Amino acid sequence: MERKQKYSIALLAFLAAALFNFSCTDDRAEELSSIDYERLFSPIKIEAFVINRTDARLSWTLNSNVESYSLEVFADDSLTFAGTPVRTYNDVTGDQLPYYIRELDGETQYSVRIKSVAAGKTESKWSGVSFKTGTENIFLPFQDGDVKATSATLRWTPGKTLTTIMLEPGGIQHTVTAGEIAAGIATIEGLTAETTYTATLKNGAKTRGIVEFMTLVDIGNAIAVYPEDDLLALLAAANDGDAFALFPGSYGAGDMFVVNKTIEIKGVYPYDKPVLNGYISLEDGAGLLLKDVTLDGGASQGQSIVFNTGEVTYNALTVEGCEIRNFVKGVYYLNVASLVESITYHNNLIYNIVCDGGDFMDSRKGAFNSLTLTNNTIYNSATGRDLIRYDDASGSFPGMTSTILVDHNTLHGVCNSSSKRLFYVRFKENKITFTNNIVAETAAIFTNQNNTDPSPTFGGNNFFNAPNLFSASGSSSKFYDDSADSEDPGFVNAANGDFTVTNELLKAKGTGDPRWIN
């Protein structure tokens, strides 16, 4: 015990002496404030993001000691950096970040390595990142008249090499000629009318473009209608299953177009839509496919489509490829105790819907199994009303759950008030999905209604100048989408209805109505 005590005393004395000697060193000694390394540090936090299918957006953490960076790009490579680089870039400076590598090959695994360079310093070791480009798309837009009932003219960037064009359904293969490659044009015959085709450009095993299109109405299988015909009388005499093919021109003058049979009304040419001046009255449980038609209310009509018969079940309502404009109250109105099998709005331009005395999509006494809004652009509409109103008529439709899907739409300036809602849904038992939409320039909230689905499905959305759709805003909404981006879409000319997206990140993600993603 005595030995241990002596040892402890000696150890304390030694530590005290060491501390005294350290604290008494010359306080004029130079303070160590930096370390000067001969070799530069390698770039860190390198990120690669594929945009426009075949371009790469690179970023990394900048270092103040670095004057420039050198990059080497390797194809068919995943961080092995074997063989010879297919591209090299030198003297890349920090102010060029993010750095873009353009026009790479499609469907290719690339690796990029980067090193730091500065005069008087040993260059850094390489740091790398790997990514895979998407499927290339060299297709050019269709021109008026390219798509017919039984043929289609396809266009791509002239001079781009191809071997075959494949179309499905039908397993159609077209061997591309040298003349077609030079012109960037090929016409495929023998197609079927009113059929959705997928055309794929191939160069050997690699895909250089994919496009989907629908062939036009075969007039032989439809009732041809011209502006000089009495469309009201034709509709009154319609039978279930009739299809009316409307040639370009103007029909009606503030009329009510009564549809009391399940029919189709289609424009013959999607690029030159016939114009129905008035509104459509759906009656007696009828169903309707309205395609490639313009509905114009002339600023005097209420809603563009009204369900007018109560105590019935309506067949499906589908509105596709249409233009809907200049209505006072809204897009549709379901104010009768009837059930609608489904309501679908796809690929439409909807604008100048004032919503004075009604909400944009308005159901008061009725119900629907499903409401689907996909690939639409809605603007200059419902600035002071709700987007989707669905009142609680569930007592008349026991045991029913309604689904609402809103996907890949562009909404600009709608419901522009902190007291207005995208979902004014009070119908009990509803499921909501809201994905891949651009919502811009609105103070709207999602909902303040207890019956609205409390756990909607979100994903891929972008809200710009729409603060009340984020939880950080502290608004009164019952739910929010914290996962959404807040990028400026960079619309080309929103005031005049051009919502072409210039933001490359949103383009890469395909957010919003696809028609505006080039």
Protein backbone atom coordinates (compact mmCIF):
# COMPACT_ATOMS: atom_id res chain seq x y z
CA MET A 1 0.00 0.00 0.00
CA GLU A 2 2.81 2.39 0.89
CA ARG A 3 4.54 1.59 -2.41
CA LYS A 4 1.40 2.43 -4.41
CA GLN A 5 1.03 5.77 -2.62
CA LYS A 6 4.67 6.72 -3.37
CA TYR A 7 4.12 5.80 -7.03
CA SER A 8 0.99 7.97 -7.29
CA ILE A 9 2.74 10.95 -5.69
CA ALA A 10 5.62 10.61 -8.16
CA LEU A 11 3.27 10.45 -11.14
CA LEU A 12 1.39 13.57 -10.04
CA ALA A 13 4.67 15.44 -9.61
CA PHE A 14 5.76 14.46 -13.11
CA LEU A 15 2.48 15.62 -14.68
CA ALA A 16 2.61 18.92 -12.81
CA ALA A 17 6.13 19.54 -14.05
CA ALA A 18 5.15 18.72 -17.60
CA LEU A 19 2.18 21.07 -17.43
CA PHE A 20 4.41 23.82 -15.96
CA ASN A 21 7.00 23.43 -18.69
CA PHE A 22 4.32 23.54 -21.43
CA SER A 23 2.60 26.62 -20.05
CA CYS A 24 5.90 28.42 -19.66
CA THR A 25 7.05 28.02 -23.26
CA ASP A 26 7.81 31.18 -25.23
CA ASP A 27 4.47 32.79 -26.03
CA ARG A 28 6.12 34.58 -28.97
CA ALA A 29 6.35 31.28 -30.87
CA GLU A 30 4.49 31.32 -34.22
CA GLU A 31 0.94 29.92 -34.03
CA LEU A 32 0.19 27.03 -36.43
CA SER A 33 -2.80 28.25 -38.44
CA SER A 34 -2.58 26.28 -41.70
CA ILE A 35 -0.93 23.31 -43.35
CA ASP A 36 0.55 23.72 -46.79
CA TYR A 37 0.22 20.43 -48.67
CA GLU A 38 2.31 19.86 -51.77
CA ARG A 39 -0.39 17.70 -53.43
CA LEU A 40 -3.88 19.07 -54.06
CA PHE A 41 -6.84 17.28 -52.59
CA SER A 42 -9.00 15.23 -54.94
CA PRO A 43 -12.48 16.59 -55.77
CA ILE A 44 -15.16 15.34 -53.37
CA LYS A 45 -18.94 14.99 -53.39
CA ILE A 46 -19.07 14.47 -57.13
CA GLU A 47 -22.63 14.13 -58.41
CA ALA A 48 -23.83 13.28 -61.92
CA PHE A 49 -27.40 13.86 -63.09
CA VAL A 50 -28.59 12.76 -66.53
CA ILE A 51 -30.72 15.39 -68.26
CA ASN A 52 -32.27 15.53 -71.71
CA ARG A 53 -31.66 11.78 -71.92
CA THR A 54 -28.08 12.03 -73.19
CA ASP A 55 -26.55 15.02 -71.39
CA ALA A 56 -24.80 14.84 -68.01
CA ARG A 57 -24.83 17.56 -65.35
CA LEU A 58 -21.76 17.30 -63.09
CA SER A 59 -21.10 19.07 -59.81
CA TRP A 60 -18.57 18.73 -56.99
CA THR A 61 -17.29 20.62 -53.96
CA LEU A 62 -14.98 23.47 -54.92
CA ASN A 63 -11.55 23.97 -53.31
CA SER A 64 -10.09 27.49 -53.06
CA ASN A 65 -6.57 26.14 -53.69
CA VAL A 66 -7.55 24.69 -57.06
CA GLU A 67 -7.16 26.75 -60.23
CA SER A 68 -8.83 24.32 -62.64
CA TYR A 69 -9.99 20.76 -63.11
CA SER A 70 -9.34 18.11 -65.74
CA LEU A 71 -12.02 15.58 -66.73
CA GLU A 72 -11.82 12.29 -68.61
CA VAL A 73 -14.93 10.46 -69.88
CA PHE A 74 -14.99 6.69 -70.44
CA ALA A 75 -17.77 4.84 -72.26
CA ASP A 76 -19.13 1.36 -71.45
CA ASP A 77 -17.39 1.71 -68.15
CA SER A 78 -18.35 1.63 -64.48
CA LEU A 79 -15.52 3.30 -62.54
CA THR A 80 -12.83 1.04 -64.01
CA PHE A 81 -11.39 3.80 -66.23
CA ALA A 82 -9.94 1.18 -68.53
CA GLY A 83 -8.88 1.93 -72.08
CA THR A 84 -8.86 5.33 -73.76
CA PRO A 85 -11.22 8.12 -72.71
CA VAL A 86 -13.79 9.07 -75.33
CA ARG A 87 -13.64 12.72 -74.25
CA THR A 88 -11.30 14.92 -72.25
CA TYR A 89 -11.88 18.38 -70.82
CA ASN A 90 -9.13 20.58 -69.39
CA ASP A 91 -9.02 23.98 -67.70
CA VAL A 92 -12.52 23.64 -66.27
CA THR A 93 -12.92 26.38 -63.65
CA GLY A 94 -15.16 26.56 -60.61
CA ASP A 95 -17.40 29.22 -62.11
CA GLN A 96 -18.39 26.75 -64.85
CA LEU A 97 -20.12 24.46 -62.36
CA PRO A 98 -22.46 22.74 -62.75
CA TYR A 99 -20.54 21.40 -65.75
CA TYR A 100 -22.49 19.93 -68.66
CA ILE A 101 -21.34 17.16 -70.99
CA ARG A 102 -23.64 17.18 -74.01
CA GLU A 103 -24.77 14.70 -76.67
CA LEU A 104 -23.44 11.46 -75.26
CA ASP A 105 -24.58 8.15 -76.67
CA GLY A 106 -27.85 6.81 -75.36
CA GLU A 107 -28.23 3.70 -73.23
CA THR A 108 -24.54 3.78 -72.32
CA GLN A 109 -22.78 3.37 -68.97
CA TYR A 110 -20.26 6.19 -68.53
CA SER A 111 -17.59 6.96 -65.96
CA VAL A 112 -16.04 10.39 -65.46
CA ARG A 113 -12.92 11.01 -63.44
CA ILE A 114 -11.82 14.43 -62.26
CA LYS A 115 -8.58 15.81 -60.82
CA SER A 116 -7.54 19.15 -59.34
CA VAL A 117 -4.85 21.32 -60.94
CA ALA A 118 -2.94 24.42 -59.75
CA ALA A 119 0.39 26.01 -60.64
CA GLY A 120 3.22 25.04 -58.29
CA LYS A 121 1.24 22.16 -56.82
CA THR A 122 1.21 18.47 -57.53
CA GLU A 123 -2.07 17.67 -59.21
CA SER A 124 -4.50 15.62 -57.16
CA LYS A 125 -5.35 12.00 -57.57
CA TRP A 126 -8.43 11.17 -59.65
CA SER A 127 -11.96 11.02 -58.21
CA GLY A 128 -14.75 9.46 -60.22
CA VAL A 129 -18.47 9.05 -60.73
CA SER A 130 -20.53 6.70 -62.88
CA PHE A 131 -23.91 7.14 -64.59
CA LYS A 132 -25.99 5.69 -67.40
CA THR A 133 -27.60 7.77 -70.12
CA GLY A 134 -31.22 7.31 -71.06
CA THR A 135 -32.78 6.26 -74.31
CA GLU A 136 -31.93 8.78 -77.01
CA ASN A 137 -34.79 10.56 -78.77
CA ILE A 138 -34.00 12.10 -82.14
CA PHE A 139 -37.64 12.19 -83.23
CA LEU A 140 -38.93 15.54 -84.49
CA PRO A 141 -42.55 16.62 -83.86
CA PHE A 142 -45.28 15.52 -86.21
CA GLN A 143 -46.43 18.11 -88.72
CA ASP A 144 -50.06 18.68 -89.66
CA GLY A 145 -51.17 15.83 -91.91
CA ASP A 146 -48.35 13.44 -91.00
CA VAL A 147 -50.67 11.02 -89.23
CA LYS A 148 -53.55 9.62 -91.25
CA ALA A 149 -56.03 6.80 -90.70
CA THR A 150 -53.83 4.09 -92.24
CA SER A 151 -50.36 5.66 -92.51
CA ALA A 152 -47.91 7.85 -90.63
CA THR A 153 -44.93 9.95 -91.68
CA LEU A 154 -42.18 9.89 -89.06
CA ARG A 155 -39.51 12.58 -88.80
CA TRP A 156 -36.12 12.66 -87.06
CA THR A 157 -32.94 14.74 -87.17
CA PRO A 158 -31.66 14.48 -90.75
CA GLY A 159 -28.41 12.60 -91.16
CA LYS A 160 -28.74 10.58 -87.95
CA THR A 161 -27.96 6.96 -88.74
CA LEU A 162 -30.69 4.34 -88.37
CA THR A 163 -31.14 0.76 -89.47
CA THR A 164 -34.81 -0.02 -88.80
CA ILE A 165 -38.07 1.48 -87.60
CA MET A 166 -40.26 -0.84 -85.53
CA LEU A 167 -43.97 -0.28 -84.84
CA GLU A 168 -46.21 -2.03 -82.34
CA PRO A 169 -48.80 -3.43 -82.30
CA GLY A 170 -48.41 -5.61 -85.36
CA GLY A 171 -44.68 -6.28 -85.32
CA ILE A 172 -44.12 -3.88 -88.23
CA GLN A 173 -40.46 -3.46 -89.31
CA HIS A 174 -39.31 -0.89 -91.84
CA THR A 175 -35.72 -0.97 -93.14
CA VAL A 176 -34.41 2.58 -93.37
CA THR A 177 -32.83 3.64 -96.66
CA ALA A 178 -29.89 5.99 -97.19
CA GLY A 179 -32.25 8.56 -98.70
CA GLU A 180 -34.54 8.41 -95.66
CA ILE A 181 -31.56 8.88 -93.34
CA ALA A 182 -30.42 11.96 -95.27
CA ALA A 183 -33.93 13.47 -95.27
CA GLY A 184 -34.89 12.32 -91.78
CA ILE A 185 -38.30 11.19 -93.05
CA ALA A 186 -40.01 7.83 -93.57
CA THR A 187 -43.66 6.98 -94.27
CA ILE A 188 -45.13 3.76 -92.88
CA GLU A 189 -48.20 2.37 -94.66
CA GLY A 190 -50.75 -0.30 -93.79
CA LEU A 191 -51.70 0.91 -90.31
CA THR A 192 -55.08 0.48 -88.64
CA ALA A 193 -57.33 3.48 -87.97
CA GLU A 194 -57.87 4.75 -84.41
CA THR A 195 -55.02 2.66 -83.08
CA THR A 196 -52.30 3.80 -80.70
CA TYR A 197 -48.88 2.86 -82.11
CA THR A 198 -45.42 3.00 -80.58
CA ALA A 199 -42.68 3.67 -83.13
CA THR A 200 -39.05 2.92 -82.22
CA LEU A 201 -35.99 4.10 -84.12
CA LYS A 202 -33.17 1.56 -83.99
CA ASN A 203 -29.52 1.73 -84.97
CA GLY A 204 -28.53 -1.89 -84.59
CA ALA A 205 -29.29 -2.84 -81.01
CA LYS A 206 -29.46 0.75 -79.73
CA THR A 207 -32.65 2.76 -79.55
CA ARG A 208 -32.48 6.30 -80.93
CA GLY A 209 -36.06 7.37 -80.33
CA ILE A 210 -39.52 6.31 -79.20
CA VAL A 211 -42.78 8.07 -80.02
CA GLU A 212 -46.42 7.20 -79.48
CA PHE A 213 -49.23 8.35 -81.77
CA MET A 214 -52.80 7.45 -82.63
CA THR A 215 -53.98 7.05 -86.19
CA LEU A 216 -56.97 9.12 -87.23
CA VAL A 217 -60.62 8.24 -87.44
CA ASP A 218 -61.56 6.01 -90.34
CA ILE A 219 -64.49 7.90 -91.79
CA GLY A 220 -65.83 4.65 -93.18
CA ASN A 221 -66.44 3.46 -89.62
CA ALA A 222 -68.00 6.70 -88.36
CA ILE A 223 -70.76 9.14 -89.23
CA ALA A 224 -69.11 12.02 -91.06
CA VAL A 225 -70.36 15.43 -89.92
CA TYR A 226 -69.69 18.79 -91.60
CA PRO A 227 -70.32 22.32 -90.27
CA GLU A 228 -73.33 22.73 -92.56
CA ASP A 229 -75.00 19.62 -91.09
CA ASP A 230 -77.53 19.78 -88.25
CA LEU A 231 -75.48 18.25 -85.44
CA LEU A 232 -78.32 18.69 -82.93
CA ALA A 233 -80.63 16.57 -85.05
CA LEU A 234 -77.94 13.94 -85.61
CA LEU A 235 -77.37 13.62 -81.87
CA ALA A 236 -81.11 13.36 -81.21
CA ALA A 237 -81.32 10.43 -83.63
CA ALA A 238 -78.18 8.68 -82.34
CA ASN A 239 -78.02 5.06 -81.28
CA ASP A 240 -75.83 3.56 -78.59
CA GLY A 241 -72.35 2.98 -79.98
CA ASP A 242 -72.52 5.60 -82.75
CA ALA A 243 -69.33 7.52 -83.52
CA PHE A 244 -69.50 11.00 -85.05
CA ALA A 245 -66.46 12.26 -86.95
CA LEU A 246 -66.57 16.06 -87.10
CA PHE A 247 -64.70 17.89 -89.82
CA PRO A 248 -63.10 21.28 -89.00
CA GLY A 249 -65.42 24.23 -88.58
CA SER A 250 -67.91 25.76 -86.19
CA TYR A 251 -70.98 23.98 -84.83
CA GLY A 252 -73.88 25.63 -82.98
CA ALA A 253 -74.32 29.10 -81.56
CA GLY A 254 -74.66 28.86 -77.82
CA ASP A 255 -76.59 25.60 -78.12
CA MET A 256 -77.21 22.78 -75.68
CA PHE A 257 -75.87 19.62 -77.33
CA VAL A 258 -78.00 16.84 -75.85
CA VAL A 259 -76.35 13.42 -75.52
CA ASN A 260 -78.73 10.73 -74.28
CA LYS A 261 -77.03 7.65 -75.80
CA THR A 262 -73.54 6.32 -75.21
CA ILE A 263 -71.65 7.72 -78.20
CA GLU A 264 -68.35 9.13 -79.44
CA ILE A 265 -67.78 12.63 -80.82
CA LYS A 266 -64.36 13.02 -82.43
CA GLY A 267 -62.56 15.59 -84.48
CA VAL A 268 -61.22 14.21 -87.74
CA TYR A 269 -57.97 16.20 -87.52
CA PRO A 270 -56.43 16.75 -84.06
CA TYR A 271 -54.47 19.72 -85.44
CA ASP A 272 -57.64 21.44 -86.74
CA LYS A 273 -60.30 20.80 -84.13
CA PRO A 274 -64.00 21.39 -84.77
CA VAL A 275 -65.54 23.94 -82.40
CA LEU A 276 -68.75 23.24 -80.47
CA ASN A 277 -70.22 26.57 -79.42
CA GLY A 278 -72.31 25.81 -76.36
CA TYR A 279 -72.35 23.07 -73.76
CA ILE A 280 -73.09 19.34 -73.57
CA SER A 281 -76.05 18.00 -71.59
CA LEU A 282 -75.60 14.34 -70.59
CA GLU A 283 -78.93 12.65 -69.96
CA ASP A 284 -80.50 9.28 -69.16
CA GLY A 285 -77.27 7.59 -68.04
CA ALA A 286 -75.46 8.20 -71.34
CA GLY A 287 -71.72 7.83 -71.73
CA LEU A 288 -69.49 10.01 -73.91
CA LEU A 289 -66.04 9.96 -75.47
CA LEU A 290 -65.21 13.50 -76.57
CA LYS A 291 -61.91 13.60 -78.45
CA ASP A 292 -59.99 16.26 -80.38
CA VAL A 293 -62.81 18.80 -80.14
CA THR A 294 -62.93 22.40 -78.90
CA LEU A 295 -65.71 23.28 -76.45
CA ASP A 296 -66.25 27.05 -76.38
CA GLY A 297 -68.75 28.58 -73.97
CA GLY A 298 -68.43 32.04 -75.46
CA ALA A 299 -68.32 33.55 -71.94
CA SER A 300 -72.09 33.05 -71.61
CA GLN A 301 -72.45 29.35 -70.81
CA GLY A 302 -72.24 27.87 -67.31
CA GLN A 303 -70.37 24.55 -67.33
CA SER A 304 -69.04 22.79 -70.41
CA ILE A 305 -70.65 19.45 -69.46
CA VAL A 306 -73.69 19.00 -67.22
CA PHE A 307 -75.18 15.74 -65.90
CA ASN A 308 -78.87 16.51 -66.11
CA THR A 309 -80.79 13.34 -65.23
CA GLY A 310 -81.17 12.19 -61.63
CA GLU A 311 -81.48 8.69 -60.16
CA VAL A 312 -79.51 6.98 -62.95
CA THR A 313 -76.04 5.50 -63.43
CA TYR A 314 -74.05 7.20 -66.15
CA ASN A 315 -71.58 5.35 -68.33
CA ALA A 316 -68.00 6.66 -68.55
CA LEU A 317 -67.27 10.26 -69.49
CA THR A 318 -63.89 10.65 -71.22
CA VAL A 319 -62.61 13.97 -72.54
CA GLU A 320 -59.31 13.61 -74.40
CA GLY A 321 -57.17 15.87 -76.57
CA CYS A 322 -59.70 18.69 -76.31
CA GLU A 323 -59.61 22.43 -75.78
CA ILE A 324 -62.11 23.72 -73.22
CA ARG A 325 -62.44 27.49 -72.89
CA ASN A 326 -64.59 30.47 -72.02
CA PHE A 327 -67.09 29.05 -69.55
CA VAL A 328 -68.56 31.04 -66.67
CA LYS A 329 -69.05 28.42 -63.97
CA GLY A 330 -66.89 25.34 -64.51
CA VAL A 331 -65.86 22.28 -66.46
CA TYR A 332 -68.49 19.75 -65.33
CA TYR A 333 -71.49 19.89 -62.99
CA LEU A 334 -73.01 16.90 -61.20
CA ASN A 335 -75.94 18.30 -59.26
CA VAL A 336 -78.27 15.29 -59.47
CA ALA A 337 -78.34 12.15 -57.31
CA SER A 338 -76.74 9.96 -59.96
CA LEU A 339 -73.61 7.81 -60.08
CA VAL A 340 -71.02 8.23 -62.83
CA GLU A 341 -68.99 5.14 -63.68
CA SER A 342 -65.84 7.21 -64.30
CA ILE A 343 -64.79 10.73 -65.26
CA THR A 344 -61.52 11.09 -67.18
CA TYR A 345 -59.83 14.23 -68.50
CA HIS A 346 -56.63 13.45 -70.42
CA ASN A 347 -54.33 15.58 -72.56
CA ASN A 348 -56.53 18.70 -72.60
CA LEU A 349 -55.90 22.44 -72.64
CA ILE A 350 -58.38 24.12 -70.27
CA TYR A 351 -58.41 27.89 -69.83
CA ASN A 352 -60.60 30.94 -69.25
CA ILE A 353 -62.93 29.04 -66.92
CA VAL A 354 -64.10 31.89 -64.68
CA CYS A 355 -65.86 29.82 -61.98
CA ASP A 356 -68.30 32.57 -61.06
CA GLY A 357 -71.02 30.73 -59.13
CA GLY A 358 -69.43 27.29 -59.36
CA ASP A 359 -66.22 25.39 -58.77
CA PHE A 360 -63.91 24.10 -61.47
CA MET A 361 -64.96 20.45 -61.27
CA ASP A 362 -68.16 20.45 -59.29
CA SER A 363 -70.16 17.57 -57.82
CA ARG A 364 -72.92 18.50 -55.36
CA LYS A 365 -75.51 15.70 -55.15
CA GLY A 366 -73.96 12.92 -57.22
CA ALA A 367 -71.02 10.53 -56.99
CA PHE A 368 -68.38 8.92 -59.17
CA ASN A 369 -66.33 5.77 -58.87
CA SER A 370 -63.21 7.48 -60.18
CA LEU A 371 -61.99 10.87 -61.32
CA THR A 372 -58.78 10.90 -63.39
CA LEU A 373 -56.92 14.04 -64.47
CA THR A 374 -53.76 13.30 -66.44
CA ASN A 375 -51.56 15.30 -68.83
CA ASN A 376 -53.74 18.43 -68.74
CA THR A 377 -52.79 22.11 -68.65
CA ILE A 378 -55.13 24.38 -66.69
CA TYR A 379 -54.58 28.14 -66.57
CA ASN A 380 -56.39 31.45 -66.19
CA SER A 381 -59.15 29.54 -64.44
CA ALA A 382 -60.78 29.18 -61.01
CA THR A 383 -58.65 31.96 -59.57
CA GLY A 384 -61.08 32.45 -56.69
CA ARG A 385 -62.75 29.03 -56.40
CA ASP A 386 -61.82 25.41 -55.63
CA LEU A 387 -60.34 23.03 -58.18
CA ILE A 388 -62.17 19.79 -57.31
CA ARG A 389 -65.38 20.09 -55.33
CA TYR A 390 -67.00 16.85 -54.21
CA ASP A 391 -69.79 17.35 -51.68
CA ASP A 392 -70.87 14.64 -49.28
CA ALA A 393 -73.64 12.72 -50.99
CA SER A 394 -72.31 9.46 -49.57
CA GLY A 395 -75.62 8.78 -47.80
CA SER A 396 -77.18 8.14 -51.21
CA PHE A 397 -74.33 5.84 -52.27
CA PRO A 398 -73.56 3.59 -49.28
CA GLY A 399 -70.36 1.56 -49.17
CA MET A 400 -68.70 3.39 -52.05
CA THR A 401 -65.11 4.69 -52.15
CA SER A 402 -64.21 7.24 -54.80
CA THR A 403 -60.66 7.45 -56.18
CA ILE A 404 -59.13 10.69 -57.46
CA LEU A 405 -55.93 10.61 -59.53
CA VAL A 406 -54.19 13.87 -60.51
CA ASP A 407 -50.96 13.11 -62.37
CA HIS A 408 -48.61 14.94 -64.78
CA ASN A 409 -50.64 18.15 -65.01
CA THR A 410 -49.53 21.78 -65.22
CA LEU A 411 -51.68 24.10 -63.07
CA HIS A 412 -51.01 27.83 -63.25
CA GLY A 413 -52.71 30.42 -61.05
CA VAL A 414 -55.66 28.25 -60.04
CA CYS A 415 -57.44 28.69 -56.67
CA ASN A 416 -55.26 31.70 -55.91
CA SER A 417 -56.38 32.32 -52.33
CA SER A 418 -55.24 30.91 -49.00
CA SER A 419 -58.87 30.00 -48.28
CA LYS A 420 -59.29 28.00 -51.50
CA ARG A 421 -58.48 24.35 -51.98
CA LEU A 422 -57.22 22.03 -54.68
CA PHE A 423 -59.37 19.35 -53.00
CA TYR A 424 -62.66 20.53 -51.53
CA VAL A 425 -63.63 16.90 -50.97
CA ARG A 426 -66.30 16.16 -48.40
CA PHE A 427 -67.58 12.85 -49.78
CA LYS A 428 -66.81 10.16 -47.20
CA GLU A 429 -64.40 7.39 -48.25
CA ASN A 430 -62.09 8.79 -50.89
CA LYS A 431 -58.52 8.00 -51.94
CA ILE A 432 -56.36 10.69 -53.55
CA THR A 433 -53.16 10.46 -55.58
CA PHE A 434 -51.38 13.68 -56.53
CA THR A 435 -48.14 13.06 -58.43
CA ASN A 436 -45.72 14.57 -60.97
CA ASN A 437 -47.61 17.88 -61.23
CA ILE A 438 -46.35 21.43 -61.63
CA VAL A 439 -48.40 23.88 -59.58
CA ALA A 440 -47.36 27.51 -59.97
CA GLU A 441 -48.44 30.97 -58.87
CA THR A 442 -51.10 30.18 -56.30
CA ALA A 443 -51.82 30.77 -52.62
CA ALA A 444 -54.11 27.72 -52.52
CA ILE A 445 -53.98 25.02 -49.86
CA PHE A 446 -54.61 21.32 -50.41
CA THR A 447 -57.66 21.03 -48.17
CA ASN A 448 -59.19 22.02 -44.85
CA GLN A 449 -61.89 19.34 -44.94
CA ASN A 450 -61.97 16.50 -42.44
CA ASN A 451 -63.45 14.02 -44.92
CA THR A 452 -60.70 14.51 -47.50
CA ASP A 453 -58.31 11.53 -47.62
CA PRO A 454 -55.92 12.35 -44.74
CA SER A 455 -53.03 10.38 -46.27
CA PRO A 456 -52.91 11.07 -50.01
CA THR A 457 -50.18 9.63 -52.22
CA PHE A 458 -47.59 12.25 -53.19
CA GLY A 459 -44.48 12.08 -55.33
CA GLY A 460 -42.60 13.92 -58.07
CA ASN A 461 -44.42 17.26 -57.69
CA ASN A 462 -43.00 20.75 -58.13
CA PHE A 463 -44.57 23.82 -56.50
CA PHE A 464 -43.35 27.26 -57.63
CA ASN A 465 -44.61 30.36 -55.87
CA ALA A 466 -47.15 28.09 -54.20
CA PRO A 467 -46.01 28.34 -50.56
CA ASN A 468 -49.15 26.98 -48.89
CA LEU A 469 -48.65 23.55 -50.43
CA PHE A 470 -45.52 23.08 -48.29
CA SER A 471 -45.79 22.36 -44.57
CA ALA A 472 -43.17 25.03 -43.86
CA SER A 473 -45.71 27.68 -44.81
CA GLY A 474 -47.75 27.09 -41.68
CA SER A 475 -51.05 27.35 -43.55
CA SER A 476 -54.33 25.81 -42.43
CA SER A 477 -54.18 22.81 -44.78
CA LYS A 478 -54.93 19.37 -43.36
CA PHE A 479 -51.94 17.90 -45.23
CA TYR A 480 -48.91 18.97 -47.27
CA ASP A 481 -46.40 17.61 -49.71
CA ASP A 482 -42.99 17.97 -48.08
CA SER A 483 -41.37 15.90 -50.83
CA ALA A 484 -42.08 18.40 -53.63
CA ASP A 485 -39.44 20.48 -55.39
CA SER A 486 -39.70 24.27 -55.61
CA GLU A 487 -37.89 24.88 -58.91
CA ASP A 488 -38.79 27.74 -61.23
CA PRO A 489 -40.08 25.91 -64.33
CA GLY A 490 -38.93 28.79 -66.53
CA PHE A 491 -42.14 28.83 -68.58
CA VAL A 492 -41.49 30.42 -71.97
CA ASN A 493 -44.58 32.65 -71.96
CA ALA A 494 -47.16 31.75 -69.31
CA ALA A 495 -49.17 34.94 -69.91
CA ASN A 496 -49.92 33.75 -73.44
CA GLY A 497 -50.40 30.08 -72.65
CA ASP A 498 -46.92 28.78 -73.52
CA PHE A 499 -45.83 26.62 -70.59
CA THR A 500 -42.78 25.09 -72.25
CA VAL A 501 -40.41 24.13 -69.42
CA THR A 502 -36.84 25.41 -69.66
CA ASN A 503 -35.67 24.19 -66.24
CA GLU A 504 -33.42 21.23 -67.08
CA LEU A 505 -33.96 19.41 -63.80
CA LEU A 506 -37.74 19.44 -64.24
CA LYS A 507 -37.33 18.41 -67.87
CA ALA A 508 -35.13 15.50 -66.81
CA LYS A 509 -37.73 14.40 -64.26
CA GLY A 510 -40.61 14.84 -66.72
CA THR A 511 -42.63 16.90 -64.25
CA GLY A 512 -45.91 18.43 -65.37
CA ASP A 513 -47.93 18.11 -68.56
CA PRO A 514 -45.68 16.19 -71.03
CA ARG A 515 -46.67 18.44 -73.95
CA TRP A 516 -44.35 21.15 -72.55
CA ILE A 517 -41.28 18.94 -72.14
CA ASN A 518 -39.08 19.15 -75.24
